[in-house]
Amino acid sequence: MRKRSKTPSAKPQNPVEQAFDLPEMLHAGVPRLELQGNRELALDGCRGLLEYTETRIRLHAGALLLTVEGTALCIRTYSDSQTVITGDIRALAFESVTA
């Protein structure tokens, strides 16, 4: 008879997570942000544009609303896979989306 292990078993992963060894955060509705200094922001996981001016851009990014503030802001790329914002980025603000 085998002894049972007293350590709790790890949460089972789906096949994609196992194949690519992806962190749980990448698929939990959490956007991925990449900043290049304060001049460029790349966002994966954008679900919609809420506001767009030269000084403020608001985006729906899954579990968060993202506000980018600055000067001369411009959306260089807007697609299902990635959104790229350029300009003089001065502030980022995050707000949780409630269901």
N, C-alpha and C. Protein backbone atom coordinates (compact mmCIF):
# COMPACT_ATOMS: atom_id res chain seq x y z
N MET A 1 0.83 -1.16 0.00
CA MET A 1 0.00 0.00 0.00
C MET A 1 0.89 1.25 0.00
N ARG A 2 0.56 2.24 -0.88
CA ARG A 2 1.35 3.46 -0.97
C ARG A 2 0.93 4.45 0.10
N LYS A 3 1.90 5.17 0.61
CA LYS A 3 1.60 6.24 1.55
C LYS A 3 1.17 7.48 0.77
N ARG A 4 0.22 8.20 1.33
CA ARG A 4 -0.21 9.45 0.72
C ARG A 4 0.74 10.56 1.12
N SER A 5 1.02 11.41 0.16
CA SER A 5 1.86 12.56 0.43
C SER A 5 1.06 13.60 1.20
N LYS A 6 1.70 14.23 2.17
CA LYS A 6 1.02 15.25 2.96
C LYS A 6 1.12 16.63 2.33
N THR A 7 1.91 16.77 1.27
CA THR A 7 2.02 18.08 0.61
C THR A 7 0.86 18.24 -0.34
N PRO A 8 0.24 19.43 -0.36
CA PRO A 8 -0.88 19.64 -1.27
C PRO A 8 -0.41 19.59 -2.71
N SER A 9 -1.26 19.05 -3.57
CA SER A 9 -0.89 18.96 -4.97
C SER A 9 -1.01 20.33 -5.62
N ALA A 10 -0.17 20.56 -6.61
CA ALA A 10 -0.18 21.85 -7.31
C ALA A 10 -1.44 21.95 -8.16
N LYS A 11 -1.85 23.17 -8.43
CA LYS A 11 -3.02 23.43 -9.27
C LYS A 11 -2.75 22.85 -10.65
N PRO A 12 -3.67 22.05 -11.19
CA PRO A 12 -3.43 21.48 -12.51
C PRO A 12 -3.38 22.58 -13.57
N GLN A 13 -2.44 22.43 -14.50
CA GLN A 13 -2.30 23.40 -15.57
C GLN A 13 -2.98 22.90 -16.83
N ASN A 14 -3.43 23.84 -17.66
CA ASN A 14 -3.99 23.42 -18.93
C ASN A 14 -2.84 23.10 -19.89
N PRO A 15 -3.10 22.42 -21.00
CA PRO A 15 -2.02 21.99 -21.90
C PRO A 15 -1.16 23.14 -22.44
N VAL A 16 -1.75 24.31 -22.69
CA VAL A 16 -0.98 25.44 -23.21
C VAL A 16 0.01 25.91 -22.16
N GLU A 17 -0.45 26.03 -20.91
CA GLU A 17 0.45 26.44 -19.83
C GLU A 17 1.60 25.46 -19.68
N GLN A 18 1.30 24.18 -19.76
CA GLN A 18 2.34 23.16 -19.62
C GLN A 18 3.32 23.22 -20.78
N ALA A 19 2.81 23.35 -22.00
CA ALA A 19 3.68 23.33 -23.17
C ALA A 19 4.65 24.50 -23.20
N PHE A 20 4.17 25.68 -22.82
CA PHE A 20 5.01 26.87 -22.90
C PHE A 20 5.50 27.36 -21.55
N ASP A 21 5.11 26.68 -20.48
CA ASP A 21 5.50 27.07 -19.13
C ASP A 21 5.18 28.54 -18.87
N LEU A 22 3.91 28.93 -19.17
CA LEU A 22 3.47 30.31 -19.03
C LEU A 22 3.07 30.63 -17.60
N PRO A 23 3.42 31.81 -17.12
CA PRO A 23 2.95 32.22 -15.80
C PRO A 23 1.43 32.38 -15.81
N GLU A 24 0.79 32.09 -14.70
CA GLU A 24 -0.67 32.17 -14.60
C GLU A 24 -1.17 33.57 -14.93
N MET A 25 -0.39 34.60 -14.62
CA MET A 25 -0.81 35.98 -14.82
C MET A 25 -1.07 36.30 -16.30
N LEU A 26 -0.39 35.61 -17.22
CA LEU A 26 -0.52 35.93 -18.64
C LEU A 26 -1.89 35.59 -19.21
N HIS A 27 -2.64 34.76 -18.54
CA HIS A 27 -3.94 34.38 -19.10
C HIS A 27 -5.09 34.71 -18.17
N ALA A 28 -4.85 35.48 -17.15
CA ALA A 28 -5.88 35.77 -16.15
C ALA A 28 -6.57 37.12 -16.39
N GLY A 29 -6.53 37.60 -17.63
CA GLY A 29 -7.16 38.89 -17.92
C GLY A 29 -6.32 40.07 -17.51
N VAL A 30 -5.06 39.82 -17.17
CA VAL A 30 -4.16 40.88 -16.75
C VAL A 30 -3.36 41.35 -17.97
N PRO A 31 -3.38 42.65 -18.26
CA PRO A 31 -2.65 43.12 -19.43
C PRO A 31 -1.14 43.07 -19.21
N ARG A 32 -0.41 43.01 -20.30
CA ARG A 32 1.05 43.04 -20.24
C ARG A 32 1.49 44.39 -20.77
N LEU A 33 2.29 45.12 -19.98
CA LEU A 33 2.78 46.45 -20.34
C LEU A 33 4.29 46.42 -20.49
N GLU A 34 4.77 47.16 -21.47
CA GLU A 34 6.21 47.31 -21.64
C GLU A 34 6.50 48.78 -21.93
N LEU A 35 7.33 49.39 -21.11
CA LEU A 35 7.70 50.80 -21.27
C LEU A 35 9.11 50.92 -21.83
N GLN A 36 9.28 51.85 -22.75
CA GLN A 36 10.60 52.22 -23.25
C GLN A 36 10.84 53.64 -22.76
N GLY A 37 11.46 53.74 -21.58
CA GLY A 37 11.63 55.04 -20.96
C GLY A 37 10.27 55.65 -20.68
N ASN A 38 10.13 56.94 -20.98
CA ASN A 38 8.81 57.57 -20.84
C ASN A 38 8.29 58.00 -22.21
N ARG A 39 8.80 57.37 -23.28
CA ARG A 39 8.44 57.75 -24.64
C ARG A 39 7.55 56.76 -25.38
N GLU A 40 7.50 55.51 -24.91
CA GLU A 40 6.69 54.52 -25.62
C GLU A 40 6.14 53.48 -24.65
N LEU A 41 4.87 53.16 -24.82
CA LEU A 41 4.20 52.14 -24.01
C LEU A 41 3.58 51.13 -24.96
N ALA A 42 3.92 49.87 -24.79
CA ALA A 42 3.31 48.79 -25.57
C ALA A 42 2.42 48.00 -24.62
N LEU A 43 1.20 47.75 -25.05
CA LEU A 43 0.21 47.08 -24.22
C LEU A 43 -0.38 45.89 -24.97
N ASP A 44 -0.26 44.71 -24.39
CA ASP A 44 -0.92 43.52 -24.92
C ASP A 44 -2.16 43.30 -24.06
N GLY A 45 -3.28 43.03 -24.67
CA GLY A 45 -4.49 42.76 -23.91
C GLY A 45 -5.47 43.91 -23.89
N CYS A 46 -5.35 44.86 -24.82
CA CYS A 46 -6.28 45.98 -24.87
C CYS A 46 -7.60 45.51 -25.45
N ARG A 47 -8.68 45.85 -24.76
CA ARG A 47 -10.02 45.43 -25.21
C ARG A 47 -10.88 46.59 -25.70
N GLY A 48 -10.36 47.81 -25.61
CA GLY A 48 -11.14 48.93 -26.11
C GLY A 48 -10.55 50.27 -25.74
N LEU A 49 -10.84 51.26 -26.57
CA LEU A 49 -10.40 52.62 -26.37
C LEU A 49 -11.54 53.41 -25.74
N LEU A 50 -11.31 54.03 -24.60
CA LEU A 50 -12.35 54.77 -23.88
C LEU A 50 -12.23 56.28 -24.06
N GLU A 51 -11.01 56.79 -24.17
CA GLU A 51 -10.78 58.23 -24.31
C GLU A 51 -9.46 58.42 -25.04
N TYR A 52 -9.42 59.42 -25.94
CA TYR A 52 -8.20 59.66 -26.70
C TYR A 52 -8.04 61.14 -26.99
N THR A 53 -7.10 61.78 -26.30
CA THR A 53 -6.72 63.16 -26.58
C THR A 53 -5.19 63.21 -26.59
N GLU A 54 -4.63 64.38 -26.91
CA GLU A 54 -3.17 64.52 -26.91
C GLU A 54 -2.57 64.44 -25.51
N THR A 55 -3.40 64.63 -24.48
CA THR A 55 -2.88 64.63 -23.11
C THR A 55 -3.37 63.46 -22.27
N ARG A 56 -4.34 62.70 -22.79
CA ARG A 56 -4.89 61.59 -21.99
C ARG A 56 -5.45 60.50 -22.90
N ILE A 57 -5.06 59.26 -22.59
CA ILE A 57 -5.59 58.09 -23.29
C ILE A 57 -6.05 57.10 -22.23
N ARG A 58 -7.30 56.66 -22.35
CA ARG A 58 -7.85 55.66 -21.42
C ARG A 58 -8.20 54.42 -22.21
N LEU A 59 -7.77 53.27 -21.69
CA LEU A 59 -7.97 51.99 -22.37
C LEU A 59 -8.60 50.98 -21.43
N HIS A 60 -9.45 50.12 -21.99
CA HIS A 60 -9.97 48.97 -21.24
C HIS A 60 -8.98 47.85 -21.51
N ALA A 61 -8.36 47.35 -20.45
CA ALA A 61 -7.31 46.35 -20.59
C ALA A 61 -7.62 45.13 -19.73
N GLY A 62 -8.67 44.43 -20.07
CA GLY A 62 -9.03 43.23 -19.33
C GLY A 62 -9.53 43.55 -17.95
N ALA A 63 -8.78 43.14 -16.93
CA ALA A 63 -9.19 43.33 -15.55
C ALA A 63 -8.92 44.75 -15.05
N LEU A 64 -8.33 45.59 -15.91
CA LEU A 64 -7.96 46.94 -15.50
C LEU A 64 -8.40 47.98 -16.53
N LEU A 65 -8.61 49.19 -16.04
CA LEU A 65 -8.71 50.36 -16.90
C LEU A 65 -7.38 51.08 -16.75
N LEU A 66 -6.76 51.42 -17.86
CA LEU A 66 -5.45 52.06 -17.84
C LEU A 66 -5.59 53.49 -18.36
N THR A 67 -5.09 54.45 -17.59
CA THR A 67 -5.06 55.85 -18.01
C THR A 67 -3.61 56.26 -18.19
N VAL A 68 -3.30 56.78 -19.38
CA VAL A 68 -1.97 57.29 -19.69
C VAL A 68 -2.11 58.80 -19.82
N GLU A 69 -1.29 59.55 -19.08
CA GLU A 69 -1.32 61.01 -19.16
C GLU A 69 0.05 61.52 -19.56
N GLY A 70 0.06 62.61 -20.33
CA GLY A 70 1.31 63.19 -20.79
C GLY A 70 1.04 64.27 -21.80
N THR A 71 2.00 64.49 -22.70
CA THR A 71 1.85 65.47 -23.77
C THR A 71 2.21 64.81 -25.09
N ALA A 72 1.60 65.30 -26.15
CA ALA A 72 1.82 64.80 -27.51
C ALA A 72 1.61 63.28 -27.59
N LEU A 73 0.61 62.77 -26.86
CA LEU A 73 0.34 61.33 -26.88
C LEU A 73 -0.30 60.95 -28.21
N CYS A 74 0.11 59.80 -28.72
CA CYS A 74 -0.38 59.33 -30.01
C CYS A 74 -0.44 57.81 -29.98
N ILE A 75 -1.52 57.26 -30.50
CA ILE A 75 -1.61 55.80 -30.64
C ILE A 75 -0.99 55.44 -31.98
N ARG A 76 0.17 54.80 -31.95
CA ARG A 76 0.88 54.41 -33.16
C ARG A 76 0.35 53.11 -33.74
N THR A 77 -0.03 52.18 -32.86
CA THR A 77 -0.56 50.89 -33.29
C THR A 77 -1.75 50.55 -32.42
N TYR A 78 -2.83 50.10 -33.05
CA TYR A 78 -4.01 49.67 -32.31
C TYR A 78 -4.56 48.44 -33.02
N SER A 79 -4.37 47.27 -32.40
CA SER A 79 -4.84 46.03 -33.00
C SER A 79 -5.27 45.07 -31.90
N ASP A 80 -5.77 43.91 -32.31
CA ASP A 80 -6.18 42.89 -31.34
C ASP A 80 -5.01 42.40 -30.51
N SER A 81 -3.82 42.40 -31.10
CA SER A 81 -2.68 41.84 -30.39
C SER A 81 -1.88 42.86 -29.57
N GLN A 82 -1.77 44.11 -30.06
CA GLN A 82 -0.96 45.08 -29.33
C GLN A 82 -1.39 46.51 -29.63
N THR A 83 -1.28 47.35 -28.61
CA THR A 83 -1.50 48.78 -28.73
C THR A 83 -0.22 49.48 -28.32
N VAL A 84 0.25 50.42 -29.15
CA VAL A 84 1.48 51.15 -28.85
C VAL A 84 1.15 52.64 -28.78
N ILE A 85 1.53 53.25 -27.66
CA ILE A 85 1.31 54.68 -27.42
C ILE A 85 2.67 55.35 -27.33
N THR A 86 2.82 56.46 -28.05
CA THR A 86 4.06 57.22 -27.99
C THR A 86 3.76 58.64 -27.52
N GLY A 87 4.81 59.35 -27.13
CA GLY A 87 4.68 60.72 -26.66
C GLY A 87 5.48 60.90 -25.39
N ASP A 88 5.24 61.98 -24.70
CA ASP A 88 5.91 62.26 -23.43
C ASP A 88 5.00 61.75 -22.31
N ILE A 89 5.21 60.51 -21.90
CA ILE A 89 4.35 59.87 -20.90
C ILE A 89 4.76 60.35 -19.52
N ARG A 90 3.82 60.95 -18.80
CA ARG A 90 4.10 61.50 -17.47
C ARG A 90 3.51 60.68 -16.34
N ALA A 91 2.40 59.98 -16.60
CA ALA A 91 1.76 59.21 -15.52
C ALA A 91 0.95 58.06 -16.09
N LEU A 92 0.92 56.97 -15.34
CA LEU A 92 0.05 55.81 -15.62
C LEU A 92 -0.81 55.60 -14.40
N ALA A 93 -2.08 55.34 -14.63
CA ALA A 93 -2.99 55.07 -13.51
C ALA A 93 -3.78 53.81 -13.85
N PHE A 94 -4.01 52.99 -12.84
CA PHE A 94 -4.71 51.73 -13.01
C PHE A 94 -5.96 51.73 -12.13
N GLU A 95 -7.04 51.22 -12.69
CA GLU A 95 -8.29 51.11 -11.96
C GLU A 95 -8.86 49.72 -12.20
N SER A 96 -9.23 49.04 -11.14
CA SER A 96 -9.80 47.70 -11.28
C SER A 96 -11.18 47.76 -11.90
N VAL A 97 -11.44 46.81 -12.79
CA VAL A 97 -12.77 46.70 -13.40
C VAL A 97 -13.59 45.78 -12.52
N THR A 98 -14.74 46.24 -12.09
CA THR A 98 -15.62 45.40 -11.27
C THR A 98 -16.67 44.79 -12.16
N ALA A 99 -17.02 43.57 -11.87
CA ALA A 99 -17.98 42.84 -12.70
C ALA A 99 -19.39 43.30 -12.49
